[in-house]
Amino acid sequence: MNSHRVFFVTTVTIQRLPIFRREETAKLLIDTFAHYCDAGKFLLHEFVIMPDHMHALLTPAERISLERAMQFIKGGFSYRLRKRGPVWQASFTNHRIRDWEDYERHREYVRMNPVRARLALRPEEYPYCSASGALQMDEVPQGLKPRGFEGALRRR
């Protein structure tokens, strides 16, 4: 996977409805992530599912656009939910990750989102995020890793 194709993405539920307050619904989105990761559609590096939106750091597969990767996530989840009517707002926001520092800044943002929202005291305590171990995450793309990357991880 290409390190120049790592994105921070955010998508919001229709009318900001807090559908992910329900454990069943949040787990369904995690299952959707797992399905498309296993199918090789994208790499998932970090994610958090908040009550009315989600954030992720992901790398679309080589021949898949970011828009298509998001279509897999949003459309795949909507299909599994079997709800009549729209589930998500029509668009999503994205930011292309430029380098290791940019990646780390967005990674920290994703991890701390439930803490800032007072849904957990520590990122690991929030069950619907990568910090909790809810899903096996893909490694940081090689091209983003700074020198001494392995040592930096051990110091954390």
C-alpha atoms as a PDB file:
ATOM      1  CA  MET A   1       0.000   0.000   0.000  1.00  0.00           C
ATOM      2  CA  ASN A   2       1.151   3.484  -0.853  1.00  0.00           C
ATOM      3  CA  SER A   3       2.059   5.749   2.079  1.00  0.00           C
ATOM      4  CA  HIS A   4       1.004   8.748  -0.034  1.00  0.00           C
ATOM      5  CA  ARG A   5      -2.569   7.467   0.088  1.00  0.00           C
ATOM      6  CA  VAL A   6      -3.162   7.562   3.845  1.00  0.00           C
ATOM      7  CA  PHE A   7      -6.203   9.622   4.755  1.00  0.00           C
ATOM      8  CA  PHE A   8      -7.901  10.916   7.863  1.00  0.00           C
ATOM      9  CA  VAL A   9     -11.646  10.694   7.186  1.00  0.00           C
ATOM     10  CA  THR A  10     -14.747  11.778   9.061  1.00  0.00           C
ATOM     11  CA  THR A  11     -18.337  10.962   8.257  1.00  0.00           C
ATOM     12  CA  VAL A  12     -21.489  11.944  10.118  1.00  0.00           C
ATOM     13  CA  THR A  13     -24.859  10.276  10.537  1.00  0.00           C
ATOM     14  CA  ILE A  14     -27.949  11.844   8.984  1.00  0.00           C
ATOM     15  CA  GLN A  15     -29.154  14.757  11.136  1.00  0.00           C
ATOM     16  CA  ARG A  16     -26.407  13.791  13.586  1.00  0.00           C
ATOM     17  CA  LEU A  17     -28.631  11.064  15.006  1.00  0.00           C
ATOM     18  CA  PRO A  18     -26.694   9.249  17.774  1.00  0.00           C
ATOM     19  CA  ILE A  19     -27.251   5.767  16.310  1.00  0.00           C
ATOM     20  CA  PHE A  20     -23.920   4.483  17.604  1.00  0.00           C
ATOM     21  CA  ARG A  21     -24.972   4.859  21.238  1.00  0.00           C
ATOM     22  CA  ARG A  22     -26.442   1.389  20.737  1.00  0.00           C
ATOM     23  CA  GLU A  23     -23.779  -1.271  21.206  1.00  0.00           C
ATOM     24  CA  GLU A  24     -25.313  -3.444  18.485  1.00  0.00           C
ATOM     25  CA  THR A  25     -25.075  -0.637  15.916  1.00  0.00           C
ATOM     26  CA  ALA A  26     -21.496   0.323  16.823  1.00  0.00           C
ATOM     27  CA  LYS A  27     -20.408  -3.326  16.620  1.00  0.00           C
ATOM     28  CA  LEU A  28     -22.062  -3.604  13.224  1.00  0.00           C
ATOM     29  CA  LEU A  29     -19.847  -0.766  11.939  1.00  0.00           C
ATOM     30  CA  ILE A  30     -16.775  -2.502  13.420  1.00  0.00           C
ATOM     31  CA  ASP A  31     -17.843  -5.701  11.604  1.00  0.00           C
ATOM     32  CA  THR A  32     -18.182  -3.673   8.395  1.00  0.00           C
ATOM     33  CA  PHE A  33     -14.635  -2.331   8.818  1.00  0.00           C
ATOM     34  CA  ALA A  34     -13.358  -5.879   9.411  1.00  0.00           C
ATOM     35  CA  HIS A  35     -15.163  -7.284   6.368  1.00  0.00           C
ATOM     36  CA  TYR A  36     -13.727  -4.753   3.919  1.00  0.00           C
ATOM     37  CA  CYS A  37     -10.248  -4.876   5.470  1.00  0.00           C
ATOM     38  CA  ASP A  38     -10.272  -8.661   5.123  1.00  0.00           C
ATOM     39  CA  ALA A  39     -11.450  -8.246   1.514  1.00  0.00           C
ATOM     40  CA  GLY A  40      -8.390  -6.057   0.835  1.00  0.00           C
ATOM     41  CA  LYS A  41     -10.356  -2.892   0.044  1.00  0.00           C
ATOM     42  CA  PHE A  42      -8.332  -0.721   2.437  1.00  0.00           C
ATOM     43  CA  LEU A  43      -5.956  -0.779   5.382  1.00  0.00           C
ATOM     44  CA  LEU A  44      -7.379   0.546   8.630  1.00  0.00           C
ATOM     45  CA  HIS A  45      -4.783   2.161  10.908  1.00  0.00           C
ATOM     46  CA  GLU A  46      -6.997   3.814  13.546  1.00  0.00           C
ATOM     47  CA  PHE A  47     -10.705   4.443  14.070  1.00  0.00           C
ATOM     48  CA  VAL A  48     -13.228   5.727  16.558  1.00  0.00           C
ATOM     49  CA  ILE A  49     -16.996   5.424  16.405  1.00  0.00           C
ATOM     50  CA  MET A  50     -18.662   8.269  18.263  1.00  0.00           C
ATOM     51  CA  PRO A  51     -22.424   8.429  18.904  1.00  0.00           C
ATOM     52  CA  ASP A  52     -23.156  10.384  15.694  1.00  0.00           C
ATOM     53  CA  HIS A  53     -19.988  10.176  13.584  1.00  0.00           C
ATOM     54  CA  MET A  54     -16.806   8.260  12.985  1.00  0.00           C
ATOM     55  CA  HIS A  55     -13.170   9.071  12.275  1.00  0.00           C
ATOM     56  CA  ALA A  56     -10.601   6.792  10.687  1.00  0.00           C
ATOM     57  CA  LEU A  57      -7.064   6.731   9.394  1.00  0.00           C
ATOM     58  CA  LEU A  58      -7.059   4.472   6.358  1.00  0.00           C
ATOM     59  CA  THR A  59      -5.198   3.623   3.179  1.00  0.00           C
ATOM     60  CA  PRO A  60      -7.347   2.580   0.205  1.00  0.00           C
ATOM     61  CA  ALA A  61      -6.096  -0.420  -1.780  1.00  0.00           C
ATOM     62  CA  GLU A  62      -3.988   0.414  -4.832  1.00  0.00           C
ATOM     63  CA  ARG A  63      -6.837   0.422  -7.376  1.00  0.00           C
ATOM     64  CA  ILE A  64      -9.528   1.799  -5.085  1.00  0.00           C
ATOM     65  CA  SER A  65     -10.255   5.503  -4.726  1.00  0.00           C
ATOM     66  CA  LEU A  66     -10.864   7.061  -1.347  1.00  0.00           C
ATOM     67  CA  GLU A  67     -14.462   7.714  -2.428  1.00  0.00           C
ATOM     68  CA  ARG A  68     -14.938   4.018  -3.234  1.00  0.00           C
ATOM     69  CA  ALA A  69     -13.400   2.955   0.098  1.00  0.00           C
ATOM     70  CA  MET A  70     -15.840   5.245   1.909  1.00  0.00           C
ATOM     71  CA  GLN A  71     -18.679   3.851  -0.197  1.00  0.00           C
ATOM     72  CA  PHE A  72     -17.748   0.376   1.035  1.00  0.00           C
ATOM     73  CA  ILE A  73     -17.832   1.565   4.648  1.00  0.00           C
ATOM     74  CA  LYS A  74     -20.954   3.724   4.518  1.00  0.00           C
ATOM     75  CA  GLY A  75     -22.895   1.651   2.007  1.00  0.00           C
ATOM     76  CA  GLY A  76     -21.811  -1.662   3.493  1.00  0.00           C
ATOM     77  CA  PHE A  77     -22.877  -0.549   6.944  1.00  0.00           C
ATOM     78  CA  SER A  78     -26.206   0.853   5.699  1.00  0.00           C
ATOM     79  CA  TYR A  79     -26.956  -2.407   3.889  1.00  0.00           C
ATOM     80  CA  ARG A  80     -26.170  -4.483   6.999  1.00  0.00           C
ATOM     81  CA  LEU A  81     -28.285  -2.178   9.182  1.00  0.00           C
ATOM     82  CA  ARG A  82     -31.334  -2.792   6.954  1.00  0.00           C
ATOM     83  CA  LYS A  83     -32.849   0.564   7.862  1.00  0.00           C
ATOM     84  CA  ARG A  84     -35.174   2.327   5.482  1.00  0.00           C
ATOM     85  CA  GLY A  85     -33.998   5.780   4.549  1.00  0.00           C
ATOM     86  CA  PRO A  86     -30.585   7.403   4.755  1.00  0.00           C
ATOM     87  CA  VAL A  87     -28.156   6.581   7.557  1.00  0.00           C
ATOM     88  CA  TRP A  88     -25.286   8.937   6.705  1.00  0.00           C
ATOM     89  CA  GLN A  89     -24.937  12.507   5.518  1.00  0.00           C
ATOM     90  CA  ALA A  90     -24.153  12.458   1.807  1.00  0.00           C
ATOM     91  CA  SER A  91     -20.505  13.432   1.968  1.00  0.00           C
ATOM     92  CA  PHE A  92     -17.443  12.940   4.121  1.00  0.00           C
ATOM     93  CA  THR A  93     -14.417  15.049   4.926  1.00  0.00           C
ATOM     94  CA  ASN A  94     -10.866  13.924   4.341  1.00  0.00           C
ATOM     95  CA  HIS A  95      -7.309  15.033   4.835  1.00  0.00           C
ATOM     96  CA  ARG A  96      -4.359  13.396   3.072  1.00  0.00           C
ATOM     97  CA  ILE A  97      -1.658  12.545   5.603  1.00  0.00           C
ATOM     98  CA  ARG A  98       1.603  14.221   4.582  1.00  0.00           C
ATOM     99  CA  ASP A  99       4.226  12.758   6.914  1.00  0.00           C
ATOM    100  CA  TRP A 100       4.858  11.006  10.220  1.00  0.00           C
ATOM    101  CA  GLU A 101       4.085  14.080  12.341  1.00  0.00           C
ATOM    102  CA  ASP A 102       0.803  14.635  10.517  1.00  0.00           C
ATOM    103  CA  TYR A 103      -0.065  10.958  10.982  1.00  0.00           C
ATOM    104  CA  GLU A 104       0.712  11.124  14.713  1.00  0.00           C
ATOM    105  CA  ARG A 105      -1.333  14.320  15.161  1.00  0.00           C
ATOM    106  CA  HIS A 106      -4.385  12.700  13.552  1.00  0.00           C
ATOM    107  CA  ARG A 107      -3.804   9.393  15.337  1.00  0.00           C
ATOM    108  CA  GLU A 108      -3.835  11.207  18.659  1.00  0.00           C
ATOM    109  CA  TYR A 109      -6.986  13.087  17.652  1.00  0.00           C
ATOM    110  CA  VAL A 110      -8.759   9.795  16.856  1.00  0.00           C
ATOM    111  CA  ARG A 111      -7.581   8.131  20.071  1.00  0.00           C
ATOM    112  CA  MET A 112      -8.520  11.071  22.330  1.00  0.00           C
ATOM    113  CA  ASN A 113     -11.922  11.800  20.767  1.00  0.00           C
ATOM    114  CA  PRO A 114     -13.958   9.719  23.277  1.00  0.00           C
ATOM    115  CA  VAL A 115     -11.919  11.138  26.172  1.00  0.00           C
ATOM    116  CA  ARG A 116     -12.548  14.739  25.084  1.00  0.00           C
ATOM    117  CA  ALA A 117     -16.259  13.891  24.719  1.00  0.00           C
ATOM    118  CA  ARG A 118     -16.217  12.432  28.264  1.00  0.00           C
ATOM    119  CA  LEU A 119     -17.274   8.992  27.046  1.00  0.00           C
ATOM    120  CA  ALA A 120     -14.203   7.411  28.677  1.00  0.00           C
ATOM    121  CA  LEU A 121     -11.368   8.398  30.982  1.00  0.00           C
ATOM    122  CA  ARG A 122      -8.741   6.781  28.732  1.00  0.00           C
ATOM    123  CA  PRO A 123      -8.865   5.809  25.049  1.00  0.00           C
ATOM    124  CA  GLU A 124      -8.485   2.086  25.852  1.00  0.00           C
ATOM    125  CA  GLU A 125     -11.672   2.192  27.941  1.00  0.00           C
ATOM    126  CA  TYR A 126     -13.904   3.219  25.038  1.00  0.00           C
ATOM    127  CA  PRO A 127     -15.109  -0.001  23.369  1.00  0.00           C
ATOM    128  CA  TYR A 128     -15.737   1.349  19.848  1.00  0.00           C
ATOM    129  CA  CYS A 129     -12.253   2.375  18.822  1.00  0.00           C
ATOM    130  CA  SER A 130      -8.924   0.988  17.765  1.00  0.00           C
ATOM    131  CA  ALA A 131      -7.341   1.863  21.136  1.00  0.00           C
ATOM    132  CA  SER A 132      -9.604  -0.684  22.840  1.00  0.00           C
ATOM    133  CA  GLY A 133      -8.353  -3.537  20.683  1.00  0.00           C
ATOM    134  CA  ALA A 134     -11.840  -4.002  19.209  1.00  0.00           C
ATOM    135  CA  LEU A 135     -10.231  -4.823  15.871  1.00  0.00           C
ATOM    136  CA  GLN A 136      -6.719  -5.698  14.714  1.00  0.00           C
ATOM    137  CA  MET A 137      -5.235  -2.585  13.119  1.00  0.00           C
ATOM    138  CA  ASP A 138      -2.970  -2.438  10.093  1.00  0.00           C
ATOM    139  CA  GLU A 139       0.547  -1.114  10.557  1.00  0.00           C
ATOM    140  CA  VAL A 140       1.638   2.409   9.778  1.00  0.00           C
ATOM    141  CA  PRO A 141       2.676   2.519   6.102  1.00  0.00           C
ATOM    142  CA  GLN A 142       6.440   2.093   5.737  1.00  0.00           C
ATOM    143  CA  GLY A 143       6.892   5.419   3.926  1.00  0.00           C
ATOM    144  CA  LEU A 144       5.516   7.361   6.897  1.00  0.00           C
ATOM    145  CA  LYS A 145       7.708   5.717   9.514  1.00  0.00           C
ATOM    146  CA  PRO A 146      10.507   8.000  10.714  1.00  0.00           C
ATOM    147  CA  ARG A 147      13.998   6.716  11.448  1.00  0.00           C
ATOM    148  CA  GLY A 148      14.010   5.010  14.807  1.00  0.00           C
ATOM    149  CA  PHE A 149      10.287   4.218  14.478  1.00  0.00           C
ATOM    150  CA  GLU A 150      10.481   0.870  16.300  1.00  0.00           C
ATOM    151  CA  GLY A 151      12.343   2.446  19.218  1.00  0.00           C
ATOM    152  CA  ALA A 152       9.810   5.260  19.406  1.00  0.00           C
ATOM    153  CA  LEU A 153       6.983   2.745  19.710  1.00  0.00           C
ATOM    154  CA  ARG A 154       8.733   0.863  22.516  1.00  0.00           C
ATOM    155  CA  ARG A 155       9.130   4.080  24.539  1.00  0.00           C
ATOM    156  CA  ARG A 156       5.367   4.687  24.663  1.00  0.00           C
END
